[in-house]
C-alpha atoms as a PDB file:
ATOM      1  CA  MET A   1     105.461 -69.897  -4.285  1.00  0.00           C
ATOM      2  CA  TYR A   2     107.015 -68.625  -1.204  1.00  0.00           C
ATOM      3  CA  LYS A   3     105.021 -66.701   1.679  1.00  0.00           C
ATOM      4  CA  GLU A   4     106.615 -65.293   4.790  1.00  0.00           C
ATOM      5  CA  SER A   5     104.322 -67.310   7.390  1.00  0.00           C
ATOM      6  CA  HIS A   6     105.860 -65.856  10.514  1.00  0.00           C
ATOM      7  CA  ARG A   7     104.548 -62.368   9.591  1.00  0.00           C
ATOM      8  CA  SER A   8     100.796 -61.431  10.897  1.00  0.00           C
ATOM      9  CA  ALA A   9      98.240 -61.550   8.075  1.00  0.00           C
ATOM     10  CA  GLY A  10      96.122 -59.342   9.892  1.00  0.00           C
ATOM     11  CA  THR A  11      94.483 -56.238   8.108  1.00  0.00           C
ATOM     12  CA  ALA A  12      95.591 -54.167   5.248  1.00  0.00           C
ATOM     13  CA  ALA A  13      97.138 -51.347   7.820  1.00  0.00           C
ATOM     14  CA  ASP A  14      99.367 -54.459   9.614  1.00  0.00           C
ATOM     15  CA  SER A  15     100.307 -56.413   6.960  1.00  0.00           C
ATOM     16  CA  ALA A  16     103.599 -57.107   5.874  1.00  0.00           C
ATOM     17  CA  SER A  17     103.229 -55.826   2.056  1.00  0.00           C
ATOM     18  CA  THR A  18     101.664 -52.512   2.333  1.00  0.00           C
ATOM     19  CA  PRO A  19     102.483 -49.290  -0.085  1.00  0.00           C
ATOM     20  CA  GLU A  20     104.053 -47.601   3.079  1.00  0.00           C
ATOM     21  CA  LEU A  21     106.540 -50.254   3.855  1.00  0.00           C
ATOM     22  CA  TRP A  22     107.868 -50.417   0.417  1.00  0.00           C
ATOM     23  CA  GLN A  23     108.324 -46.766   0.716  1.00  0.00           C
ATOM     24  CA  GLN A  24     110.236 -47.234   3.558  1.00  0.00           C
ATOM     25  CA  VAL A  25     112.448 -50.103   1.982  1.00  0.00           C
ATOM     26  CA  PHE A  26     113.248 -47.828  -0.777  1.00  0.00           C
ATOM     27  CA  ALA A  27     113.139 -44.555   0.281  1.00  0.00           C
ATOM     28  CA  ALA A  28     116.620 -44.977   1.731  1.00  0.00           C
ATOM     29  CA  ALA A  29     118.023 -46.869  -1.420  1.00  0.00           C
ATOM     30  CA  PRO A  30     120.714 -45.440  -3.187  1.00  0.00           C
ATOM     31  CA  ARG A  31     120.702 -44.176  -6.741  1.00  0.00           C
ATOM     32  CA  ARG A  32     120.720 -46.870  -9.323  1.00  0.00           C
ATOM     33  CA  LEU A  33     123.948 -48.830  -8.564  1.00  0.00           C
ATOM     34  CA  ARG A  34     126.419 -49.563 -11.515  1.00  0.00           C
ATOM     35  CA  LEU A  35     128.360 -52.677  -9.585  1.00  0.00           C
ATOM     36  CA  ARG A  36     124.750 -54.501  -9.083  1.00  0.00           C
ATOM     37  CA  GLU A  37     124.204 -53.788 -13.081  1.00  0.00           C
ATOM     38  CA  LEU A  38     127.335 -55.376 -14.075  1.00  0.00           C
ATOM     39  CA  VAL A  39     126.230 -58.369 -12.041  1.00  0.00           C
ATOM     40  CA  TRP A  40     123.095 -58.538 -13.771  1.00  0.00           C
ATOM     41  CA  ARG A  41     124.762 -58.035 -17.249  1.00  0.00           C
ATOM     42  CA  PHE A  42     126.969 -60.934 -17.155  1.00  0.00           C
ATOM     43  CA  VAL A  43     126.052 -63.145 -14.111  1.00  0.00           C
ATOM     44  CA  ASP A  44     122.393 -62.943 -13.622  1.00  0.00           C
ATOM     45  CA  ILE A  45     119.867 -65.325 -15.021  1.00  0.00           C
ATOM     46  CA  ARG A  46     117.524 -62.612 -15.385  1.00  0.00           C
ATOM     47  CA  TYR A  47     118.712 -60.492 -18.033  1.00  0.00           C
ATOM     48  CA  ARG A  48     119.411 -63.643 -19.827  1.00  0.00           C
ATOM     49  CA  LEU A  49     115.817 -64.191 -19.662  1.00  0.00           C
ATOM     50  CA  ILE A  50     115.017 -60.885 -20.674  1.00  0.00           C
ATOM     51  CA  ARG A  51     117.091 -61.271 -23.958  1.00  0.00           C
ATOM     52  CA  ARG A  52     115.842 -64.533 -24.722  1.00  0.00           C
ATOM     53  CA  HIS A  53     112.151 -63.626 -24.810  1.00  0.00           C
ATOM     54  CA  PHE A  54     112.069 -60.075 -25.200  1.00  0.00           C
ATOM     55  CA  LYS A  55     113.465 -58.192 -28.471  1.00  0.00           C
ATOM     56  CA  ALA A  56     115.532 -54.795 -28.054  1.00  0.00           C
ATOM     57  CA  GLY A  57     113.207 -52.055 -28.671  1.00  0.00           C
ATOM     58  CA  GLY A  58     110.448 -54.039 -26.922  1.00  0.00           C
ATOM     59  CA  ARG A  59     108.028 -52.489 -24.733  1.00  0.00           C
ATOM     60  CA  VAL A  60     108.510 -54.040 -21.233  1.00  0.00           C
ATOM     61  CA  LEU A  61     106.569 -53.761 -17.866  1.00  0.00           C
ATOM     62  CA  ASP A  62     108.429 -54.152 -14.451  1.00  0.00           C
ATOM     63  CA  ALA A  63     105.183 -54.963 -12.381  1.00  0.00           C
ATOM     64  CA  GLY A  64     106.477 -53.932  -9.189  1.00  0.00           C
ATOM     65  CA  CYS A  65     109.385 -51.816 -10.048  1.00  0.00           C
ATOM     66  CA  GLY A  66     110.705 -50.846  -6.531  1.00  0.00           C
ATOM     67  CA  ASN A  67     113.597 -48.621  -6.702  1.00  0.00           C
ATOM     68  CA  GLY A  68     113.388 -48.508 -10.679  1.00  0.00           C
ATOM     69  CA  GLU A  69     116.663 -50.277 -11.232  1.00  0.00           C
ATOM     70  CA  TRP A  70     115.588 -52.879 -13.935  1.00  0.00           C
ATOM     71  CA  VAL A  71     113.932 -49.650 -15.727  1.00  0.00           C
ATOM     72  CA  GLY A  72     116.964 -47.663 -15.867  1.00  0.00           C
ATOM     73  CA  PHE A  73     119.190 -51.096 -16.508  1.00  0.00           C
ATOM     74  CA  MET A  74     116.443 -52.104 -19.791  1.00  0.00           C
ATOM     75  CA  LYS A  75     116.654 -48.861 -20.870  1.00  0.00           C
ATOM     76  CA  GLN A  76     120.499 -48.621 -21.123  1.00  0.00           C
ATOM     77  CA  ARG A  77     120.078 -51.960 -23.349  1.00  0.00           C
ATOM     78  CA  GLY A  78     117.767 -50.433 -25.803  1.00  0.00           C
ATOM     79  CA  TYR A  79     114.271 -51.788 -24.458  1.00  0.00           C
ATOM     80  CA  ARG A  80     111.715 -49.068 -23.647  1.00  0.00           C
ATOM     81  CA  PRO A  81     110.441 -50.094 -20.008  1.00  0.00           C
ATOM     82  CA  ILE A  82     107.727 -48.990 -17.838  1.00  0.00           C
ATOM     83  CA  GLY A  83     107.890 -49.032 -14.160  1.00  0.00           C
ATOM     84  CA  LEU A  84     104.844 -50.132 -12.221  1.00  0.00           C
ATOM     85  CA  ASP A  85     104.146 -49.527  -8.895  1.00  0.00           C
ATOM     86  CA  TYR A  86     101.864 -49.096  -5.928  1.00  0.00           C
ATOM     87  CA  ALA A  87     103.602 -46.655  -3.757  1.00  0.00           C
ATOM     88  CA  PRO A  88     102.964 -43.146  -4.534  1.00  0.00           C
ATOM     89  CA  ALA A  89     105.881 -41.854  -2.304  1.00  0.00           C
ATOM     90  CA  LEU A  90     108.172 -44.212  -4.282  1.00  0.00           C
ATOM     91  CA  LEU A  91     107.119 -42.873  -7.903  1.00  0.00           C
ATOM     92  CA  ASP A  92     107.407 -39.222  -6.773  1.00  0.00           C
ATOM     93  CA  ARG A  93     110.755 -40.267  -5.748  1.00  0.00           C
ATOM     94  CA  LEU A  94     111.502 -42.122  -8.871  1.00  0.00           C
ATOM     95  CA  ARG A  95     110.026 -39.421 -11.223  1.00  0.00           C
ATOM     96  CA  GLN A  96     112.315 -36.942  -9.498  1.00  0.00           C
ATOM     97  CA  LEU A  97     115.463 -38.979  -9.859  1.00  0.00           C
ATOM     98  CA  TYR A  98     114.523 -40.280 -13.310  1.00  0.00           C
ATOM     99  CA  PRO A  99     112.230 -37.830 -14.987  1.00  0.00           C
ATOM    100  CA  ASP A 100     112.808 -39.244 -18.484  1.00  0.00           C
ATOM    101  CA  ASP A 101     111.835 -42.901 -17.459  1.00  0.00           C
ATOM    102  CA  ASP A 102     108.144 -44.017 -17.597  1.00  0.00           C
ATOM    103  CA  TRP A 103     106.310 -44.589 -14.331  1.00  0.00           C
ATOM    104  CA  LEU A 104     103.049 -45.828 -13.860  1.00  0.00           C
ATOM    105  CA  ALA A 105     100.791 -46.157 -10.382  1.00  0.00           C
ATOM    106  CA  GLY A 106      99.027 -49.320 -10.064  1.00  0.00           C
ATOM    107  CA  THR A 107      98.835 -52.610  -8.832  1.00  0.00           C
ATOM    108  CA  ILE A 108      99.900 -56.204 -10.295  1.00  0.00           C
ATOM    109  CA  GLN A 109      96.526 -57.624 -10.102  1.00  0.00           C
ATOM    110  CA  ASP A 110      94.617 -54.213 -11.805  1.00  0.00           C
ATOM    111  CA  ILE A 111      97.620 -53.108 -14.502  1.00  0.00           C
ATOM    112  CA  PRO A 112      96.200 -49.872 -15.699  1.00  0.00           C
ATOM    113  CA  LEU A 113      97.248 -50.270 -19.270  1.00  0.00           C
ATOM    114  CA  PRO A 114      95.506 -51.591 -22.356  1.00  0.00           C
ATOM    115  CA  ASP A 115      95.735 -55.231 -23.404  1.00  0.00           C
ATOM    116  CA  ALA A 116      98.456 -56.176 -25.598  1.00  0.00           C
ATOM    117  CA  SER A 117     100.267 -52.472 -24.931  1.00  0.00           C
ATOM    118  CA  VAL A 118     103.352 -53.910 -23.603  1.00  0.00           C
ATOM    119  CA  ASP A 119     105.579 -56.752 -25.288  1.00  0.00           C
ATOM    120  CA  GLY A 120     106.226 -58.381 -21.926  1.00  0.00           C
ATOM    121  CA  VAL A 121     106.263 -58.219 -18.329  1.00  0.00           C
ATOM    122  CA  ILE A 122     108.601 -58.906 -15.729  1.00  0.00           C
ATOM    123  CA  SER A 123     108.046 -58.894 -11.721  1.00  0.00           C
ATOM    124  CA  TRP A 124     111.121 -59.613  -9.503  1.00  0.00           C
ATOM    125  CA  GLY A 125     110.262 -60.461  -6.020  1.00  0.00           C
ATOM    126  CA  VAL A 126     106.544 -59.202  -6.040  1.00  0.00           C
ATOM    127  CA  ILE A 127     104.463 -61.958  -5.749  1.00  0.00           C
ATOM    128  CA  GLU A 128     105.691 -63.535  -2.893  1.00  0.00           C
ATOM    129  CA  HIS A 129     104.809 -60.664  -1.058  1.00  0.00           C
ATOM    130  CA  ASP A 130     100.966 -61.067  -1.491  1.00  0.00           C
ATOM    131  CA  GLU A 131      99.553 -63.455   1.092  1.00  0.00           C
ATOM    132  CA  ALA A 132      96.697 -63.870  -1.208  1.00  0.00           C
ATOM    133  CA  GLY A 133      99.022 -65.642  -4.252  1.00  0.00           C
ATOM    134  CA  PRO A 134      99.110 -64.886  -7.911  1.00  0.00           C
ATOM    135  CA  ALA A 135      95.537 -65.896  -8.090  1.00  0.00           C
ATOM    136  CA  PRO A 136      92.258 -63.846  -7.200  1.00  0.00           C
ATOM    137  CA  PRO A 137      90.460 -64.721  -4.337  1.00  0.00           C
ATOM    138  CA  CYS A 138      88.020 -67.106  -4.675  1.00  0.00           C
ATOM    139  CA  ALA A 139      84.360 -66.176  -4.868  1.00  0.00           C
ATOM    140  CA  SER A 140      82.561 -69.375  -5.369  1.00  0.00           C
ATOM    141  CA  SER A 141      80.493 -70.779  -2.680  1.00  0.00           C
ATOM    142  CA  THR A 142      80.809 -74.425  -4.554  1.00  0.00           C
ATOM    143  CA  GLY A 143      84.912 -74.127  -4.584  1.00  0.00           C
ATOM    144  CA  CYS A 144      87.164 -73.422  -7.152  1.00  0.00           C
END
């Protein structure tokens, strides 16, 4: 796991990963980029992993969907993707730009979907931005 140790681990308001930060990062992003999708289709290992592990037509959650590029990419290839993100303004923008896609508000730690309601989950470039890591914090006084 990668951790950005050069950033402050202060309060949620000044933490490196906030909904407001990611809204700013993706607010200026262009619409889905065709060139990037060509690279994903023919070069990037992530699409090969998707094809290997998820059947076309499958329901795939993109947890931490950012600007929604993977949602559009998978939809064009016959999947039924859902984009999940915790940044409300970002989701509002995605709903305006791509109203026919499925967008869901929530965090990767508490996904607002029933168990077994998707065939798989992708989450590219998300976990490394959580200073606590992928596991919930330990609440035990005897150690974890």
